[in-house]
N, C-alpha and C. Protein backbone atom coordinates (compact mmCIF):
# COMPACT_ATOMS: atom_id res chain seq x y z
N MET A 1 -81.19 -33.25 -51.19
CA MET A 1 -80.65 -32.40 -50.15
C MET A 1 -80.78 -30.94 -50.57
N ASP A 2 -80.79 -30.08 -49.60
CA ASP A 2 -80.90 -28.65 -49.86
C ASP A 2 -79.50 -28.02 -49.75
N ILE A 3 -78.84 -27.90 -50.91
CA ILE A 3 -77.49 -27.35 -50.96
C ILE A 3 -77.47 -26.20 -51.94
N HIS A 4 -77.02 -25.06 -51.47
CA HIS A 4 -76.97 -23.86 -52.30
C HIS A 4 -75.55 -23.66 -52.82
N GLY A 5 -75.41 -23.05 -53.97
CA GLY A 5 -74.11 -22.77 -54.55
C GLY A 5 -73.35 -21.70 -53.78
N CYS A 6 -72.08 -21.59 -54.05
CA CYS A 6 -71.23 -20.59 -53.43
C CYS A 6 -71.76 -19.19 -53.73
N LEU A 7 -71.75 -18.33 -52.73
CA LEU A 7 -72.19 -16.95 -52.89
C LEU A 7 -71.07 -16.03 -53.35
N GLY A 8 -69.83 -16.51 -53.28
CA GLY A 8 -68.70 -15.67 -53.64
C GLY A 8 -68.44 -14.56 -52.63
N CYS A 9 -68.92 -14.71 -51.42
CA CYS A 9 -68.80 -13.64 -50.42
C CYS A 9 -67.44 -13.64 -49.72
N LYS A 10 -66.70 -14.74 -49.83
CA LYS A 10 -65.37 -14.92 -49.24
C LYS A 10 -65.36 -14.90 -47.72
N TYR A 11 -66.53 -15.04 -47.12
CA TYR A 11 -66.60 -15.17 -45.66
C TYR A 11 -65.70 -16.32 -45.21
N CYS A 12 -65.74 -17.43 -45.95
CA CYS A 12 -64.96 -18.62 -45.57
C CYS A 12 -63.46 -18.35 -45.54
N ARG A 13 -62.99 -17.48 -46.40
CA ARG A 13 -61.56 -17.20 -46.49
C ARG A 13 -61.12 -16.10 -45.53
N ASN A 14 -62.08 -15.40 -44.95
CA ASN A 14 -61.75 -14.30 -44.03
C ASN A 14 -62.15 -14.71 -42.62
N GLU A 15 -63.21 -14.15 -42.11
CA GLU A 15 -63.60 -14.42 -40.73
C GLU A 15 -64.20 -15.80 -40.50
N GLY A 16 -64.53 -16.53 -41.55
CA GLY A 16 -65.15 -17.84 -41.42
C GLY A 16 -64.22 -18.99 -41.11
N ASN A 17 -62.91 -18.74 -41.12
CA ASN A 17 -61.93 -19.80 -40.83
C ASN A 17 -62.19 -21.05 -41.69
N TYR A 18 -62.37 -20.84 -42.99
CA TYR A 18 -62.57 -21.89 -43.99
C TYR A 18 -63.90 -22.62 -43.83
N ARG A 19 -64.86 -21.99 -43.21
CA ARG A 19 -66.21 -22.55 -43.09
C ARG A 19 -67.18 -21.59 -43.78
N CYS A 20 -68.04 -22.15 -44.62
CA CYS A 20 -69.01 -21.36 -45.37
C CYS A 20 -70.01 -20.69 -44.44
N ILE A 21 -70.44 -19.50 -44.79
CA ILE A 21 -71.44 -18.77 -44.00
C ILE A 21 -72.81 -19.43 -44.10
N GLN A 22 -73.06 -20.16 -45.19
CA GLN A 22 -74.37 -20.78 -45.40
C GLN A 22 -74.52 -22.04 -44.53
N ARG A 23 -75.64 -22.16 -43.89
CA ARG A 23 -75.96 -23.36 -43.11
C ARG A 23 -77.05 -24.11 -43.88
N ASP A 24 -76.65 -25.16 -44.54
CA ASP A 24 -77.59 -25.99 -45.28
C ASP A 24 -77.08 -27.41 -45.23
N ASP A 25 -77.60 -28.27 -46.08
CA ASP A 25 -77.21 -29.68 -46.04
C ASP A 25 -75.78 -29.95 -46.48
N MET A 26 -75.06 -28.93 -46.95
CA MET A 26 -73.65 -29.12 -47.26
C MET A 26 -72.86 -29.44 -46.00
N ASP A 27 -73.38 -29.03 -44.84
CA ASP A 27 -72.73 -29.39 -43.58
C ASP A 27 -72.70 -30.92 -43.42
N ILE A 28 -73.77 -31.60 -43.80
CA ILE A 28 -73.82 -33.06 -43.74
C ILE A 28 -72.83 -33.66 -44.74
N VAL A 29 -72.83 -33.12 -45.95
CA VAL A 29 -71.92 -33.61 -46.98
C VAL A 29 -70.46 -33.40 -46.55
N ASN A 30 -70.16 -32.24 -45.99
CA ASN A 30 -68.79 -31.97 -45.53
C ASN A 30 -68.34 -32.97 -44.49
N THR A 31 -69.23 -33.34 -43.58
CA THR A 31 -68.88 -34.33 -42.55
C THR A 31 -68.48 -35.64 -43.21
N GLU A 32 -69.26 -36.06 -44.20
CA GLU A 32 -68.93 -37.30 -44.91
C GLU A 32 -67.65 -37.16 -45.73
N LEU A 33 -67.49 -36.03 -46.40
CA LEU A 33 -66.30 -35.81 -47.22
C LEU A 33 -65.03 -35.77 -46.37
N ASN A 34 -65.14 -35.31 -45.15
CA ASN A 34 -63.98 -35.25 -44.27
C ASN A 34 -63.50 -36.63 -43.86
N GLU A 35 -64.32 -37.65 -44.03
CA GLU A 35 -63.96 -39.02 -43.68
C GLU A 35 -63.74 -39.92 -44.89
N ALA A 36 -64.15 -39.48 -46.05
CA ALA A 36 -64.10 -40.31 -47.25
C ALA A 36 -62.68 -40.58 -47.72
N GLU A 37 -62.44 -41.78 -48.19
CA GLU A 37 -61.15 -42.14 -48.77
C GLU A 37 -61.13 -41.82 -50.26
N MET A 38 -62.32 -41.79 -50.87
CA MET A 38 -62.44 -41.52 -52.29
C MET A 38 -63.78 -40.83 -52.54
N VAL A 39 -63.81 -39.97 -53.56
CA VAL A 39 -65.05 -39.31 -53.95
C VAL A 39 -65.34 -39.66 -55.39
N VAL A 40 -66.55 -40.14 -55.63
CA VAL A 40 -67.01 -40.42 -56.99
C VAL A 40 -68.13 -39.44 -57.30
N LEU A 41 -67.88 -38.56 -58.24
CA LEU A 41 -68.89 -37.61 -58.68
C LEU A 41 -69.67 -38.27 -59.81
N ALA A 42 -70.99 -38.14 -59.77
CA ALA A 42 -71.83 -38.77 -60.80
C ALA A 42 -72.94 -37.81 -61.19
N SER A 43 -73.19 -37.73 -62.50
CA SER A 43 -74.21 -36.81 -62.97
C SER A 43 -74.66 -37.17 -64.38
N PRO A 44 -75.95 -36.98 -64.65
CA PRO A 44 -76.34 -36.96 -66.05
C PRO A 44 -75.82 -35.65 -66.65
N ILE A 45 -75.66 -35.64 -67.94
CA ILE A 45 -75.19 -34.44 -68.64
C ILE A 45 -76.37 -33.85 -69.40
N TYR A 46 -76.70 -32.60 -69.05
CA TYR A 46 -77.75 -31.86 -69.73
C TYR A 46 -77.11 -30.60 -70.31
N PHE A 47 -77.28 -30.38 -71.59
CA PHE A 47 -76.71 -29.21 -72.24
C PHE A 47 -75.22 -29.08 -71.96
N TRP A 48 -74.48 -30.17 -72.12
CA TRP A 48 -73.02 -30.24 -72.04
C TRP A 48 -72.47 -29.95 -70.65
N SER A 49 -73.27 -30.12 -69.62
CA SER A 49 -72.80 -29.79 -68.27
C SER A 49 -73.39 -30.76 -67.24
N ILE A 50 -72.70 -30.87 -66.13
CA ILE A 50 -73.24 -31.61 -65.01
C ILE A 50 -74.47 -30.89 -64.49
N THR A 51 -75.24 -31.54 -63.66
CA THR A 51 -76.45 -30.93 -63.14
C THR A 51 -76.13 -29.74 -62.23
N GLY A 52 -77.08 -28.85 -62.11
CA GLY A 52 -76.93 -27.70 -61.21
C GLY A 52 -76.75 -28.14 -59.77
N GLN A 53 -77.38 -29.24 -59.37
CA GLN A 53 -77.25 -29.74 -58.02
C GLN A 53 -75.80 -30.12 -57.71
N LEU A 54 -75.17 -30.88 -58.60
CA LEU A 54 -73.77 -31.26 -58.38
C LEU A 54 -72.86 -30.04 -58.48
N GLN A 55 -73.17 -29.12 -59.38
CA GLN A 55 -72.37 -27.90 -59.50
C GLN A 55 -72.40 -27.11 -58.20
N SER A 56 -73.55 -27.06 -57.53
CA SER A 56 -73.64 -26.36 -56.25
C SER A 56 -72.72 -26.99 -55.21
N VAL A 57 -72.67 -28.31 -55.19
CA VAL A 57 -71.77 -29.00 -54.25
C VAL A 57 -70.32 -28.66 -54.57
N ILE A 58 -69.95 -28.73 -55.84
CA ILE A 58 -68.57 -28.47 -56.24
C ILE A 58 -68.16 -27.04 -55.90
N THR A 59 -69.05 -26.06 -56.14
CA THR A 59 -68.67 -24.69 -55.81
C THR A 59 -68.47 -24.52 -54.32
N ARG A 60 -69.09 -25.35 -53.52
CA ARG A 60 -68.93 -25.26 -52.08
C ARG A 60 -67.64 -25.93 -51.60
N PHE A 61 -66.87 -26.50 -52.50
CA PHE A 61 -65.52 -26.96 -52.16
C PHE A 61 -64.59 -25.76 -51.96
N TYR A 62 -65.01 -24.59 -52.40
CA TYR A 62 -64.18 -23.38 -52.39
C TYR A 62 -63.52 -23.07 -51.04
N PRO A 63 -64.22 -23.17 -49.90
CA PRO A 63 -63.57 -22.82 -48.64
C PRO A 63 -62.29 -23.60 -48.37
N LYS A 64 -62.25 -24.86 -48.80
CA LYS A 64 -61.07 -25.68 -48.51
C LYS A 64 -60.07 -25.68 -49.65
N ARG A 65 -60.47 -25.26 -50.80
CA ARG A 65 -59.64 -25.23 -52.00
C ARG A 65 -59.18 -26.62 -52.40
N LYS A 66 -58.54 -27.34 -51.51
CA LYS A 66 -58.17 -28.74 -51.76
C LYS A 66 -59.16 -29.58 -50.99
N PRO A 67 -60.15 -30.12 -51.68
CA PRO A 67 -61.29 -30.72 -51.00
C PRO A 67 -60.98 -31.92 -50.11
N PHE A 68 -61.03 -31.73 -48.84
CA PHE A 68 -61.18 -32.79 -47.87
C PHE A 68 -60.03 -33.79 -47.84
N LYS A 69 -60.24 -34.86 -47.10
CA LYS A 69 -59.22 -35.88 -46.89
C LYS A 69 -58.94 -36.68 -48.17
N ALA A 70 -59.98 -37.02 -48.88
CA ALA A 70 -59.86 -37.88 -50.05
C ALA A 70 -58.98 -37.24 -51.12
N LYS A 71 -58.04 -37.99 -51.62
CA LYS A 71 -57.17 -37.52 -52.70
C LYS A 71 -57.47 -38.23 -54.01
N LYS A 72 -58.37 -39.22 -53.96
CA LYS A 72 -58.73 -39.98 -55.15
C LYS A 72 -60.15 -39.62 -55.55
N TYR A 73 -60.32 -39.29 -56.83
CA TYR A 73 -61.62 -38.89 -57.35
C TYR A 73 -61.90 -39.64 -58.65
N ALA A 74 -63.18 -39.87 -58.92
CA ALA A 74 -63.62 -40.48 -60.17
C ALA A 74 -64.88 -39.76 -60.63
N LEU A 75 -65.20 -39.93 -61.89
CA LEU A 75 -66.37 -39.27 -62.47
C LEU A 75 -67.17 -40.27 -63.29
N ILE A 76 -68.49 -40.29 -63.07
CA ILE A 76 -69.40 -41.11 -63.85
C ILE A 76 -70.47 -40.20 -64.45
N MET A 77 -70.70 -40.34 -65.76
CA MET A 77 -71.67 -39.47 -66.44
C MET A 77 -72.51 -40.28 -67.43
N SER A 78 -73.70 -39.76 -67.68
CA SER A 78 -74.53 -40.33 -68.73
C SER A 78 -75.14 -39.20 -69.54
N ALA A 79 -75.28 -39.45 -70.83
CA ALA A 79 -75.87 -38.45 -71.73
C ALA A 79 -76.47 -39.16 -72.93
N GLU A 80 -77.37 -38.50 -73.59
CA GLU A 80 -77.96 -39.05 -74.79
C GLU A 80 -76.92 -39.17 -75.91
N SER A 81 -76.07 -38.14 -76.04
CA SER A 81 -75.09 -38.10 -77.11
C SER A 81 -73.68 -38.32 -76.58
N SER A 82 -72.91 -39.07 -77.30
CA SER A 82 -71.50 -39.27 -76.92
C SER A 82 -70.67 -38.00 -77.12
N MET A 83 -71.25 -37.00 -77.76
CA MET A 83 -70.55 -35.74 -78.01
C MET A 83 -70.77 -34.72 -76.88
N ALA A 84 -71.48 -35.09 -75.84
CA ALA A 84 -71.90 -34.14 -74.81
C ALA A 84 -70.97 -34.05 -73.61
N PHE A 85 -69.91 -34.83 -73.55
CA PHE A 85 -69.12 -34.95 -72.33
C PHE A 85 -67.95 -33.98 -72.18
N ASP A 86 -67.49 -33.39 -73.24
CA ASP A 86 -66.22 -32.65 -73.22
C ASP A 86 -66.14 -31.56 -72.15
N ALA A 87 -67.16 -30.74 -72.02
CA ALA A 87 -67.11 -29.64 -71.04
C ALA A 87 -67.05 -30.17 -69.61
N ALA A 88 -67.84 -31.20 -69.32
CA ALA A 88 -67.85 -31.77 -67.97
C ALA A 88 -66.51 -32.43 -67.65
N VAL A 89 -65.94 -33.12 -68.62
CA VAL A 89 -64.63 -33.75 -68.41
C VAL A 89 -63.56 -32.70 -68.17
N THR A 90 -63.60 -31.62 -68.95
CA THR A 90 -62.63 -30.53 -68.77
C THR A 90 -62.75 -29.93 -67.38
N GLN A 91 -63.96 -29.66 -66.93
CA GLN A 91 -64.15 -29.10 -65.59
C GLN A 91 -63.61 -30.06 -64.53
N TYR A 92 -63.95 -31.33 -64.64
CA TYR A 92 -63.48 -32.34 -63.68
C TYR A 92 -61.96 -32.41 -63.66
N MET A 93 -61.34 -32.48 -64.83
CA MET A 93 -59.88 -32.58 -64.89
C MET A 93 -59.22 -31.31 -64.34
N ASP A 94 -59.83 -30.16 -64.56
CA ASP A 94 -59.30 -28.91 -63.99
C ASP A 94 -59.36 -28.94 -62.47
N ILE A 95 -60.46 -29.43 -61.92
CA ILE A 95 -60.59 -29.54 -60.46
C ILE A 95 -59.54 -30.50 -59.91
N VAL A 96 -59.40 -31.65 -60.54
CA VAL A 96 -58.43 -32.65 -60.10
C VAL A 96 -57.01 -32.09 -60.17
N GLY A 97 -56.67 -31.46 -61.29
CA GLY A 97 -55.32 -30.92 -61.46
C GLY A 97 -55.02 -29.78 -60.51
N TYR A 98 -55.95 -28.85 -60.39
CA TYR A 98 -55.75 -27.69 -59.52
C TYR A 98 -55.60 -28.10 -58.06
N SER A 99 -56.37 -29.10 -57.66
CA SER A 99 -56.38 -29.50 -56.26
C SER A 99 -55.35 -30.57 -55.93
N GLY A 100 -54.59 -31.02 -56.91
CA GLY A 100 -53.56 -32.03 -56.67
C GLY A 100 -54.15 -33.39 -56.33
N LEU A 101 -55.27 -33.73 -56.94
CA LEU A 101 -55.94 -34.99 -56.67
C LEU A 101 -55.54 -36.04 -57.70
N GLU A 102 -55.85 -37.29 -57.41
CA GLU A 102 -55.58 -38.38 -58.33
C GLU A 102 -56.87 -38.78 -59.04
N ASN A 103 -56.86 -38.71 -60.36
CA ASN A 103 -58.00 -39.14 -61.15
C ASN A 103 -57.98 -40.66 -61.26
N MET A 104 -59.02 -41.29 -60.71
CA MET A 104 -59.10 -42.75 -60.75
C MET A 104 -59.84 -43.26 -61.97
N GLY A 105 -60.42 -42.33 -62.73
CA GLY A 105 -61.07 -42.74 -63.96
C GLY A 105 -62.34 -41.97 -64.24
N ILE A 106 -62.74 -42.04 -65.49
CA ILE A 106 -63.96 -41.39 -65.95
C ILE A 106 -64.76 -42.43 -66.72
N LEU A 107 -66.01 -42.58 -66.36
CA LEU A 107 -66.90 -43.53 -67.02
C LEU A 107 -68.03 -42.76 -67.68
N ARG A 108 -68.23 -43.03 -68.97
CA ARG A 108 -69.28 -42.34 -69.74
C ARG A 108 -70.25 -43.37 -70.29
N PHE A 109 -71.52 -43.04 -70.20
CA PHE A 109 -72.56 -43.84 -70.85
C PHE A 109 -73.33 -42.92 -71.77
N SER A 110 -73.58 -43.36 -72.99
CA SER A 110 -74.34 -42.52 -73.91
C SER A 110 -75.32 -43.37 -74.71
N GLY A 111 -76.33 -42.70 -75.21
CA GLY A 111 -77.34 -43.37 -76.04
C GLY A 111 -78.70 -43.33 -75.39
N TRP A 112 -79.69 -43.70 -76.17
CA TRP A 112 -81.07 -43.69 -75.68
C TRP A 112 -81.31 -44.76 -74.64
N ASP A 113 -80.81 -45.95 -74.89
CA ASP A 113 -81.05 -47.08 -73.99
C ASP A 113 -79.75 -47.46 -73.30
N GLN A 114 -79.55 -46.92 -72.11
CA GLN A 114 -78.30 -47.17 -71.38
C GLN A 114 -78.44 -48.32 -70.39
N LYS A 115 -79.65 -48.80 -70.18
CA LYS A 115 -79.89 -49.88 -69.22
C LYS A 115 -79.72 -51.23 -69.91
N THR A 116 -78.46 -51.56 -70.17
CA THR A 116 -78.15 -52.82 -70.82
C THR A 116 -77.26 -53.65 -69.92
N GLU A 117 -77.25 -54.94 -70.15
CA GLU A 117 -76.40 -55.83 -69.37
C GLU A 117 -74.92 -55.45 -69.54
N ALA A 118 -74.53 -55.06 -70.75
CA ALA A 118 -73.14 -54.65 -71.00
C ALA A 118 -72.77 -53.41 -70.18
N ASN A 119 -73.68 -52.45 -70.10
CA ASN A 119 -73.40 -51.24 -69.32
C ASN A 119 -73.38 -51.53 -67.82
N TYR A 120 -74.27 -52.41 -67.36
CA TYR A 120 -74.24 -52.79 -65.95
C TYR A 120 -72.90 -53.42 -65.60
N LYS A 121 -72.42 -54.29 -66.48
CA LYS A 121 -71.14 -54.95 -66.26
C LYS A 121 -70.00 -53.93 -66.29
N LYS A 122 -70.07 -53.00 -67.23
CA LYS A 122 -69.06 -51.95 -67.34
C LYS A 122 -69.00 -51.10 -66.06
N ALA A 123 -70.17 -50.72 -65.53
CA ALA A 123 -70.24 -49.93 -64.30
C ALA A 123 -69.73 -50.74 -63.12
N TYR A 124 -70.11 -52.00 -63.05
CA TYR A 124 -69.66 -52.87 -61.96
C TYR A 124 -68.14 -52.99 -61.97
N ASN A 125 -67.57 -53.26 -63.12
CA ASN A 125 -66.12 -53.40 -63.23
C ASN A 125 -65.39 -52.10 -62.92
N PHE A 126 -65.95 -50.99 -63.35
CA PHE A 126 -65.36 -49.68 -63.04
C PHE A 126 -65.28 -49.49 -61.52
N GLY A 127 -66.41 -49.72 -60.86
CA GLY A 127 -66.44 -49.58 -59.40
C GLY A 127 -65.53 -50.56 -58.70
N LYS A 128 -65.50 -51.77 -59.16
CA LYS A 128 -64.66 -52.81 -58.56
C LYS A 128 -63.18 -52.45 -58.65
N ASN A 129 -62.79 -51.80 -59.74
CA ASN A 129 -61.39 -51.46 -59.96
C ASN A 129 -60.98 -50.15 -59.29
N LEU A 130 -61.93 -49.44 -58.71
CA LEU A 130 -61.56 -48.20 -58.02
C LEU A 130 -60.82 -48.53 -56.75
């Protein structure tokens, strides 16, 4: 999808009536988010951070401050190193805490070969328990 990050122009907080000035595919995402019961954010971790694509979506939560109808959020990440998750987890927990959301869990996968039967089962059980 073509989603641009927040411009910091504050149009949404002033004359925009909590709607971003940018017209891009975030309009489609917002429609879905307005109906979602739960949001699961998922990203590989590169250089201790979520992808730029997901970061652009998150910054576009700014107009609403408390994102959408869903109050339950979860995070799924994968990285080569088990030491790479701290910054992304901190950002996620800050978003959840600031917005008054419920953290339903964080799932991390690390290592060179993550496509294992054990990891598939772990992911399945995580999703099933959400």
